[in-house]
Amino acid sequence: MGTHGIATYNPSDSEKTNYWQWTEVFNLVPLPTPDHPHQFQLTHKKGKGSDTMRFESEHRDHILSLCLAQSSLFARGHGSDGVERSVLNFSGGGKFRCVLIRTSYEKLKIVEI
């Protein structure tokens, strides 16, 4: 993760496997399951549409927090009503839920904590 985008790397040889500029990213959300508690999903531009990819890391909450700092650069237009909603769930000493909404006239608005 950097100021221009996010990349994935092959853990065996450190070769870059994917790269998206922030302007190509629609959303990053946690997507835990009983078998994969550290899973998250990235939705990005692909051609004229979008695609989603799932990743897993025990550092998921930290990764999503760092990505949230770049969310003002995320792509717009993914969603049927022009409103994008991101929900970030954090756990640790307590559970926290932050719902973020972006519309065409507001960059980012925290509507629930």
C-alpha atoms as a PDB file:
ATOM      1  CA  MET A   1       0.000   0.000   0.000  1.00  0.00           C
ATOM      2  CA  GLY A   2       1.224   3.406  -0.846  1.00  0.00           C
ATOM      3  CA  THR A   3       0.052   6.862  -1.795  1.00  0.00           C
ATOM      4  CA  HIS A   4      -0.726   5.772  -5.374  1.00  0.00           C
ATOM      5  CA  GLY A   5      -2.228   2.310  -4.951  1.00  0.00           C
ATOM      6  CA  ILE A   6      -2.207  -1.176  -3.504  1.00  0.00           C
ATOM      7  CA  ALA A   7      -0.291  -4.247  -4.663  1.00  0.00           C
ATOM      8  CA  THR A   8      -0.204  -7.943  -3.848  1.00  0.00           C
ATOM      9  CA  TYR A   9       2.942 -10.040  -3.862  1.00  0.00           C
ATOM     10  CA  ASN A  10       3.698 -13.750  -4.130  1.00  0.00           C
ATOM     11  CA  PRO A  11       5.010 -14.752  -0.673  1.00  0.00           C
ATOM     12  CA  SER A  12       7.449 -17.328  -2.064  1.00  0.00           C
ATOM     13  CA  ASP A  13       9.394 -15.040  -4.410  1.00  0.00           C
ATOM     14  CA  SER A  14       8.087 -11.509  -3.605  1.00  0.00           C
ATOM     15  CA  GLU A  15       7.018 -11.021  -7.230  1.00  0.00           C
ATOM     16  CA  LYS A  16       4.204  -8.487  -7.696  1.00  0.00           C
ATOM     17  CA  THR A  17       1.028 -10.339  -8.699  1.00  0.00           C
ATOM     18  CA  ASN A  18      -1.553  -7.528  -8.777  1.00  0.00           C
ATOM     19  CA  TYR A  19      -1.576  -3.750  -8.644  1.00  0.00           C
ATOM     20  CA  TRP A  20      -4.426  -1.249  -8.536  1.00  0.00           C
ATOM     21  CA  GLN A  21      -4.182   2.510  -8.368  1.00  0.00           C
ATOM     22  CA  TRP A  22      -6.490   3.988  -5.727  1.00  0.00           C
ATOM     23  CA  THR A  23      -8.582   5.498  -8.535  1.00  0.00           C
ATOM     24  CA  GLU A  24      -9.301   1.924  -9.704  1.00  0.00           C
ATOM     25  CA  VAL A  25     -10.485   0.705  -6.292  1.00  0.00           C
ATOM     26  CA  PHE A  26     -14.200   0.903  -5.510  1.00  0.00           C
ATOM     27  CA  ASN A  27     -14.193  -0.685  -2.094  1.00  0.00           C
ATOM     28  CA  LEU A  28     -12.315  -2.788   0.465  1.00  0.00           C
ATOM     29  CA  VAL A  29     -14.370  -4.557   3.124  1.00  0.00           C
ATOM     30  CA  PRO A  30     -13.793  -7.239   5.746  1.00  0.00           C
ATOM     31  CA  LEU A  31     -15.412 -10.526   4.744  1.00  0.00           C
ATOM     32  CA  PRO A  32     -14.784 -12.981   7.587  1.00  0.00           C
ATOM     33  CA  THR A  33     -16.165 -16.507   7.545  1.00  0.00           C
ATOM     34  CA  PRO A  34     -15.844 -19.221  10.195  1.00  0.00           C
ATOM     35  CA  ASP A  35     -13.105 -20.896   8.126  1.00  0.00           C
ATOM     36  CA  HIS A  36     -11.398 -17.635   7.079  1.00  0.00           C
ATOM     37  CA  PRO A  37     -11.705 -15.080   9.908  1.00  0.00           C
ATOM     38  CA  HIS A  38      -9.095 -12.710   8.394  1.00  0.00           C
ATOM     39  CA  GLN A  39     -10.554 -12.522   4.897  1.00  0.00           C
ATOM     40  CA  PHE A  40     -11.355  -9.256   3.105  1.00  0.00           C
ATOM     41  CA  GLN A  41     -12.626  -8.306  -0.327  1.00  0.00           C
ATOM     42  CA  LEU A  42     -11.382  -5.727  -2.819  1.00  0.00           C
ATOM     43  CA  THR A  43     -13.723  -4.463  -5.549  1.00  0.00           C
ATOM     44  CA  HIS A  44     -11.960  -2.752  -8.441  1.00  0.00           C
ATOM     45  CA  LYS A  45     -12.526  -1.493 -11.967  1.00  0.00           C
ATOM     46  CA  LYS A  46     -12.202  -4.056 -14.723  1.00  0.00           C
ATOM     47  CA  GLY A  47     -12.914  -2.841 -18.233  1.00  0.00           C
ATOM     48  CA  LYS A  48     -16.288  -1.083 -18.197  1.00  0.00           C
ATOM     49  CA  GLY A  49     -17.425  -3.001 -15.104  1.00  0.00           C
ATOM     50  CA  SER A  50     -15.985  -4.231 -11.844  1.00  0.00           C
ATOM     51  CA  ASP A  51     -14.455  -7.341 -10.352  1.00  0.00           C
ATOM     52  CA  THR A  52     -13.972  -8.559  -6.791  1.00  0.00           C
ATOM     53  CA  MET A  53     -11.053 -10.430  -5.308  1.00  0.00           C
ATOM     54  CA  ARG A  54     -10.759 -11.998  -1.877  1.00  0.00           C
ATOM     55  CA  PHE A  55      -7.608 -11.946   0.212  1.00  0.00           C
ATOM     56  CA  GLU A  56      -6.655 -13.191   3.642  1.00  0.00           C
ATOM     57  CA  SER A  57      -4.187 -11.770   6.140  1.00  0.00           C
ATOM     58  CA  GLU A  58      -3.925 -11.848   9.898  1.00  0.00           C
ATOM     59  CA  HIS A  59      -3.084  -8.136   9.503  1.00  0.00           C
ATOM     60  CA  ARG A  60      -6.425  -7.438   7.784  1.00  0.00           C
ATOM     61  CA  ASP A  61      -7.604  -4.727  10.198  1.00  0.00           C
ATOM     62  CA  HIS A  62      -4.336  -2.833   9.814  1.00  0.00           C
ATOM     63  CA  ILE A  63      -4.432  -3.171   6.013  1.00  0.00           C
ATOM     64  CA  LEU A  64      -8.017  -1.869   5.860  1.00  0.00           C
ATOM     65  CA  SER A  65      -7.157   1.012   8.200  1.00  0.00           C
ATOM     66  CA  LEU A  66      -4.276   2.090   5.972  1.00  0.00           C
ATOM     67  CA  CYS A  67      -6.503   1.810   2.897  1.00  0.00           C
ATOM     68  CA  LEU A  68      -9.188   3.913   4.549  1.00  0.00           C
ATOM     69  CA  ALA A  69      -6.682   6.762   4.719  1.00  0.00           C
ATOM     70  CA  GLN A  70      -6.659   6.741   0.892  1.00  0.00           C
ATOM     71  CA  SER A  71     -10.423   6.334   0.431  1.00  0.00           C
ATOM     72  CA  SER A  72     -10.875   9.886  -0.882  1.00  0.00           C
ATOM     73  CA  LEU A  73      -9.003   8.679  -3.995  1.00  0.00           C
ATOM     74  CA  PHE A  74     -11.208   5.604  -4.540  1.00  0.00           C
ATOM     75  CA  ALA A  75     -13.132   5.232  -7.791  1.00  0.00           C
ATOM     76  CA  ARG A  76     -16.704   6.452  -7.870  1.00  0.00           C
ATOM     77  CA  GLY A  77     -19.781   5.152  -9.618  1.00  0.00           C
ATOM     78  CA  HIS A  78     -19.965   1.623  -8.236  1.00  0.00           C
ATOM     79  CA  GLY A  79     -23.526   1.222  -6.978  1.00  0.00           C
ATOM     80  CA  SER A  80     -26.976   1.537  -8.373  1.00  0.00           C
ATOM     81  CA  ASP A  81     -27.979   4.764  -6.652  1.00  0.00           C
ATOM     82  CA  GLY A  82     -24.739   6.754  -6.825  1.00  0.00           C
ATOM     83  CA  VAL A  83     -24.101   6.109  -3.133  1.00  0.00           C
ATOM     84  CA  GLU A  84     -21.201   3.980  -2.005  1.00  0.00           C
ATOM     85  CA  ARG A  85     -21.241   2.397   1.433  1.00  0.00           C
ATOM     86  CA  SER A  86     -18.267   0.869   3.196  1.00  0.00           C
ATOM     87  CA  VAL A  87     -18.518  -0.920   6.505  1.00  0.00           C
ATOM     88  CA  LEU A  88     -15.383  -1.555   8.523  1.00  0.00           C
ATOM     89  CA  ASN A  89     -15.569  -3.816  11.569  1.00  0.00           C
ATOM     90  CA  PHE A  90     -12.708  -3.790  14.033  1.00  0.00           C
ATOM     91  CA  SER A  91     -12.274  -6.125  16.971  1.00  0.00           C
ATOM     92  CA  GLY A  92      -9.792  -6.261  19.772  1.00  0.00           C
ATOM     93  CA  GLY A  93     -10.488  -5.107  23.309  1.00  0.00           C
ATOM     94  CA  GLY A  94     -13.993  -4.266  22.089  1.00  0.00           C
ATOM     95  CA  LYS A  95     -15.922  -4.326  18.852  1.00  0.00           C
ATOM     96  CA  PHE A  96     -16.190  -1.194  16.736  1.00  0.00           C
ATOM     97  CA  ARG A  97     -18.190  -0.672  13.592  1.00  0.00           C
ATOM     98  CA  CYS A  98     -17.725   2.321  11.335  1.00  0.00           C
ATOM     99  CA  VAL A  99     -20.095   2.908   8.420  1.00  0.00           C
ATOM    100  CA  LEU A 100     -18.827   5.275   5.752  1.00  0.00           C
ATOM    101  CA  ILE A 101     -20.931   6.699   2.956  1.00  0.00           C
ATOM    102  CA  ARG A 102     -19.703   8.529  -0.110  1.00  0.00           C
ATOM    103  CA  THR A 103     -22.050  10.307  -2.478  1.00  0.00           C
ATOM    104  CA  SER A 104     -21.438  12.412  -5.542  1.00  0.00           C
ATOM    105  CA  TYR A 105     -21.711  15.602  -3.470  1.00  0.00           C
ATOM    106  CA  GLU A 106     -19.888  14.455  -0.311  1.00  0.00           C
ATOM    107  CA  LYS A 107     -16.398  13.037  -0.296  1.00  0.00           C
ATOM    108  CA  LEU A 108     -16.727  10.903   2.804  1.00  0.00           C
ATOM    109  CA  LYS A 109     -19.161  10.959   5.678  1.00  0.00           C
ATOM    110  CA  ILE A 110     -19.066   8.854   8.813  1.00  0.00           C
ATOM    111  CA  VAL A 111     -22.669   8.048   9.615  1.00  0.00           C
ATOM    112  CA  GLU A 112     -22.352   5.472  12.380  1.00  0.00           C
ATOM    113  CA  ILE A 113     -19.720   4.479  14.866  1.00  0.00           C
END
